[in-house]
Amino acid sequence: MKLERKHALVLLGIAVWNVVTYVTFIKNLAATNGRPTGYYVAHTVLIVVNLGIAGLLGRWGYRALKAERTATD
C-alpha cells in the first residue's frame, strides 16, 4: 500500500495531537500530590508508550511525505 499525502498528514496530525495532549498530561501529573506510587508508575508508563507511538506515527508520516515529494519531482 502506498501512502498518499492525505495519509501522511493524518499520521503527522495524530502524532502532534498525542504529543500536545501528553505534555499537558505530564504537567497535570506533576502537579498532583499525595497519590500512591502505583498511580505515578502506571501513568508514567502510559505517557512513555503514547509518546513512543507519537514518535512512530510522526516518523511514518514524515517518510510518506518525503517519499511523495521525491516521487513527484
N, C-alpha and C. Protein backbone atom coordinates (compact mmCIF):
# COMPACT_ATOMS: atom_id res chain seq x y z
N MET A 1 0.84 -1.18 0.00
CA MET A 1 0.00 0.00 0.00
C MET A 1 0.88 1.24 0.00
N LYS A 2 0.58 2.12 -0.89
CA LYS A 2 1.34 3.37 -0.97
C LYS A 2 0.58 4.45 -0.19
N LEU A 3 1.28 5.13 0.67
CA LEU A 3 0.66 6.20 1.44
C LEU A 3 0.65 7.47 0.61
N GLU A 4 -0.49 8.11 0.58
CA GLU A 4 -0.63 9.37 -0.13
C GLU A 4 -0.39 10.53 0.83
N ARG A 5 -0.40 11.72 0.28
CA ARG A 5 -0.17 12.92 1.08
C ARG A 5 -1.20 13.05 2.21
N LYS A 6 -2.47 12.77 1.91
CA LYS A 6 -3.51 12.90 2.93
C LYS A 6 -3.28 11.92 4.07
N HIS A 7 -2.77 10.73 3.77
CA HIS A 7 -2.47 9.76 4.83
C HIS A 7 -1.31 10.27 5.69
N ALA A 8 -0.30 10.83 5.04
CA ALA A 8 0.86 11.34 5.76
C ALA A 8 0.45 12.48 6.69
N LEU A 9 -0.43 13.35 6.21
CA LEU A 9 -0.87 14.47 7.03
C LEU A 9 -1.70 14.00 8.22
N VAL A 10 -2.50 12.96 8.03
CA VAL A 10 -3.27 12.40 9.15
C VAL A 10 -2.32 11.81 10.19
N LEU A 11 -1.32 11.06 9.74
CA LEU A 11 -0.35 10.48 10.67
C LEU A 11 0.38 11.57 11.45
N LEU A 12 0.81 12.61 10.75
CA LEU A 12 1.51 13.71 11.43
C LEU A 12 0.58 14.45 12.39
N GLY A 13 -0.67 14.62 11.99
CA GLY A 13 -1.64 15.28 12.87
C GLY A 13 -1.89 14.50 14.15
N ILE A 14 -2.03 13.19 14.02
CA ILE A 14 -2.22 12.34 15.20
C ILE A 14 -0.99 12.38 16.10
N ALA A 15 0.18 12.37 15.50
CA ALA A 15 1.42 12.42 16.28
C ALA A 15 1.51 13.73 17.06
N VAL A 16 1.21 14.83 16.40
CA VAL A 16 1.26 16.14 17.08
C VAL A 16 0.22 16.20 18.18
N TRP A 17 -0.98 15.70 17.91
CA TRP A 17 -2.04 15.69 18.92
C TRP A 17 -1.62 14.88 20.14
N ASN A 18 -1.02 13.70 19.93
CA ASN A 18 -0.56 12.88 21.05
C ASN A 18 0.49 13.62 21.87
N VAL A 19 1.42 14.27 21.22
CA VAL A 19 2.46 15.00 21.94
C VAL A 19 1.85 16.13 22.76
N VAL A 20 0.97 16.90 22.15
CA VAL A 20 0.37 18.05 22.85
C VAL A 20 -0.44 17.56 24.06
N THR A 21 -1.27 16.55 23.87
CA THR A 21 -2.11 16.09 24.98
C THR A 21 -1.29 15.44 26.09
N TYR A 22 -0.25 14.70 25.73
CA TYR A 22 0.51 14.03 26.77
C TYR A 22 1.50 14.95 27.46
N VAL A 23 1.93 16.02 26.81
CA VAL A 23 2.74 17.02 27.52
C VAL A 23 1.86 17.71 28.56
N THR A 24 0.62 18.01 28.19
CA THR A 24 -0.33 18.57 29.16
C THR A 24 -0.58 17.60 30.30
N PHE A 25 -0.70 16.32 29.98
CA PHE A 25 -0.91 15.30 30.99
C PHE A 25 0.29 15.22 31.94
N ILE A 26 1.49 15.35 31.40
CA ILE A 26 2.70 15.35 32.24
C ILE A 26 2.65 16.51 33.23
N LYS A 27 2.29 17.69 32.74
CA LYS A 27 2.20 18.86 33.62
C LYS A 27 1.17 18.65 34.72
N ASN A 28 0.02 18.10 34.35
CA ASN A 28 -1.02 17.85 35.35
C ASN A 28 -0.61 16.76 36.34
N LEU A 29 0.08 15.75 35.86
CA LEU A 29 0.55 14.69 36.74
C LEU A 29 1.59 15.21 37.73
N ALA A 30 2.44 16.10 37.27
CA ALA A 30 3.46 16.67 38.15
C ALA A 30 2.84 17.55 39.24
N ALA A 31 1.67 18.09 38.97
CA ALA A 31 1.02 18.98 39.93
C ALA A 31 0.24 18.22 41.01
N THR A 32 0.06 16.92 40.84
CA THR A 32 -0.70 16.15 41.83
C THR A 32 0.21 15.75 42.99
N ASN A 33 -0.39 15.70 44.16
CA ASN A 33 0.33 15.29 45.37
C ASN A 33 -0.48 14.27 46.13
N GLY A 34 0.19 13.44 46.89
CA GLY A 34 -0.48 12.53 47.80
C GLY A 34 -1.08 11.29 47.17
N ARG A 35 -0.67 10.95 45.98
CA ARG A 35 -1.17 9.73 45.34
C ARG A 35 -0.23 8.57 45.64
N PRO A 36 -0.74 7.35 45.58
CA PRO A 36 0.14 6.20 45.79
C PRO A 36 1.15 6.08 44.65
N THR A 37 2.26 5.42 44.91
CA THR A 37 3.32 5.27 43.92
C THR A 37 2.83 4.57 42.67
N GLY A 38 1.95 3.60 42.81
CA GLY A 38 1.41 2.88 41.66
C GLY A 38 0.70 3.79 40.67
N TYR A 39 0.06 4.82 41.18
CA TYR A 39 -0.62 5.80 40.33
C TYR A 39 0.39 6.48 39.40
N TYR A 40 1.50 6.91 39.97
CA TYR A 40 2.52 7.60 39.17
C TYR A 40 3.21 6.64 38.20
N VAL A 41 3.46 5.42 38.64
CA VAL A 41 4.11 4.43 37.77
C VAL A 41 3.21 4.10 36.58
N ALA A 42 1.95 3.84 36.84
CA ALA A 42 1.01 3.48 35.77
C ALA A 42 0.86 4.62 34.76
N HIS A 43 0.73 5.82 35.24
CA HIS A 43 0.56 6.95 34.33
C HIS A 43 1.85 7.29 33.59
N THR A 44 2.97 7.08 34.23
CA THR A 44 4.24 7.29 33.54
C THR A 44 4.42 6.29 32.41
N VAL A 45 4.03 5.05 32.63
CA VAL A 45 4.10 4.03 31.58
C VAL A 45 3.19 4.43 30.42
N LEU A 46 1.98 4.89 30.73
CA LEU A 46 1.07 5.35 29.68
C LEU A 46 1.67 6.49 28.87
N ILE A 47 2.29 7.42 29.54
CA ILE A 47 2.89 8.56 28.87
C ILE A 47 4.02 8.12 27.96
N VAL A 48 4.90 7.27 28.46
CA VAL A 48 6.04 6.81 27.66
C VAL A 48 5.58 6.04 26.43
N VAL A 49 4.61 5.15 26.61
CA VAL A 49 4.10 4.36 25.49
C VAL A 49 3.45 5.26 24.44
N ASN A 50 2.62 6.19 24.87
CA ASN A 50 1.93 7.05 23.92
C ASN A 50 2.86 8.04 23.23
N LEU A 51 3.88 8.51 23.90
CA LEU A 51 4.86 9.36 23.22
C LEU A 51 5.69 8.54 22.24
N GLY A 52 5.94 7.27 22.55
CA GLY A 52 6.61 6.38 21.60
C GLY A 52 5.75 6.16 20.36
N ILE A 53 4.45 5.95 20.57
CA ILE A 53 3.53 5.81 19.43
C ILE A 53 3.52 7.09 18.60
N ALA A 54 3.50 8.23 19.26
CA ALA A 54 3.52 9.50 18.54
C ALA A 54 4.80 9.63 17.70
N GLY A 55 5.92 9.22 18.26
CA GLY A 55 7.17 9.26 17.51
C GLY A 55 7.14 8.35 16.29
N LEU A 56 6.58 7.16 16.46
CA LEU A 56 6.48 6.22 15.35
C LEU A 56 5.55 6.75 14.25
N LEU A 57 4.39 7.24 14.63
CA LEU A 57 3.46 7.79 13.65
C LEU A 57 4.04 9.02 12.95
N GLY A 58 4.73 9.85 13.71
CA GLY A 58 5.37 11.02 13.12
C GLY A 58 6.44 10.63 12.12
N ARG A 59 7.22 9.61 12.44
CA ARG A 59 8.25 9.14 11.53
C ARG A 59 7.63 8.58 10.25
N TRP A 60 6.58 7.78 10.39
CA TRP A 60 5.89 7.23 9.21
C TRP A 60 5.31 8.35 8.35
N GLY A 61 4.68 9.33 8.99
CA GLY A 61 4.11 10.45 8.24
C GLY A 61 5.16 11.25 7.52
N TYR A 62 6.27 11.52 8.19
CA TYR A 62 7.36 12.28 7.57
C TYR A 62 7.95 11.51 6.40
N ARG A 63 8.17 10.21 6.56
CA ARG A 63 8.72 9.41 5.47
C ARG A 63 7.76 9.35 4.29
N ALA A 64 6.46 9.27 4.57
CA ALA A 64 5.47 9.24 3.49
C ALA A 64 5.47 10.56 2.73
N LEU A 65 5.55 11.68 3.45
CA LEU A 65 5.62 12.97 2.78
C LEU A 65 6.89 13.10 1.95
N LYS A 66 7.99 12.68 2.53
CA LYS A 66 9.27 12.75 1.84
C LYS A 66 9.27 11.87 0.60
N ALA A 67 8.71 10.68 0.70
CA ALA A 67 8.66 9.76 -0.45
C ALA A 67 7.79 10.32 -1.56
N GLU A 68 6.69 10.96 -1.18
CA GLU A 68 5.82 11.54 -2.22
C GLU A 68 6.48 12.72 -2.91
N ARG A 69 7.20 13.53 -2.14
CA ARG A 69 7.90 14.67 -2.74
C ARG A 69 8.95 14.22 -3.74
N THR A 70 9.70 13.17 -3.39
CA THR A 70 10.72 12.70 -4.32
C THR A 70 10.11 11.99 -5.51
N ALA A 71 8.93 11.38 -5.34
CA ALA A 71 8.27 10.70 -6.46
C ALA A 71 7.68 11.71 -7.45
N THR A 72 7.24 12.86 -6.97
CA THR A 72 6.65 13.85 -7.86
C THR A 72 7.71 14.74 -8.50
N ASP A 73 8.89 14.80 -7.97
CA ASP A 73 9.96 15.64 -8.55
C ASP A 73 10.61 15.01 -9.73
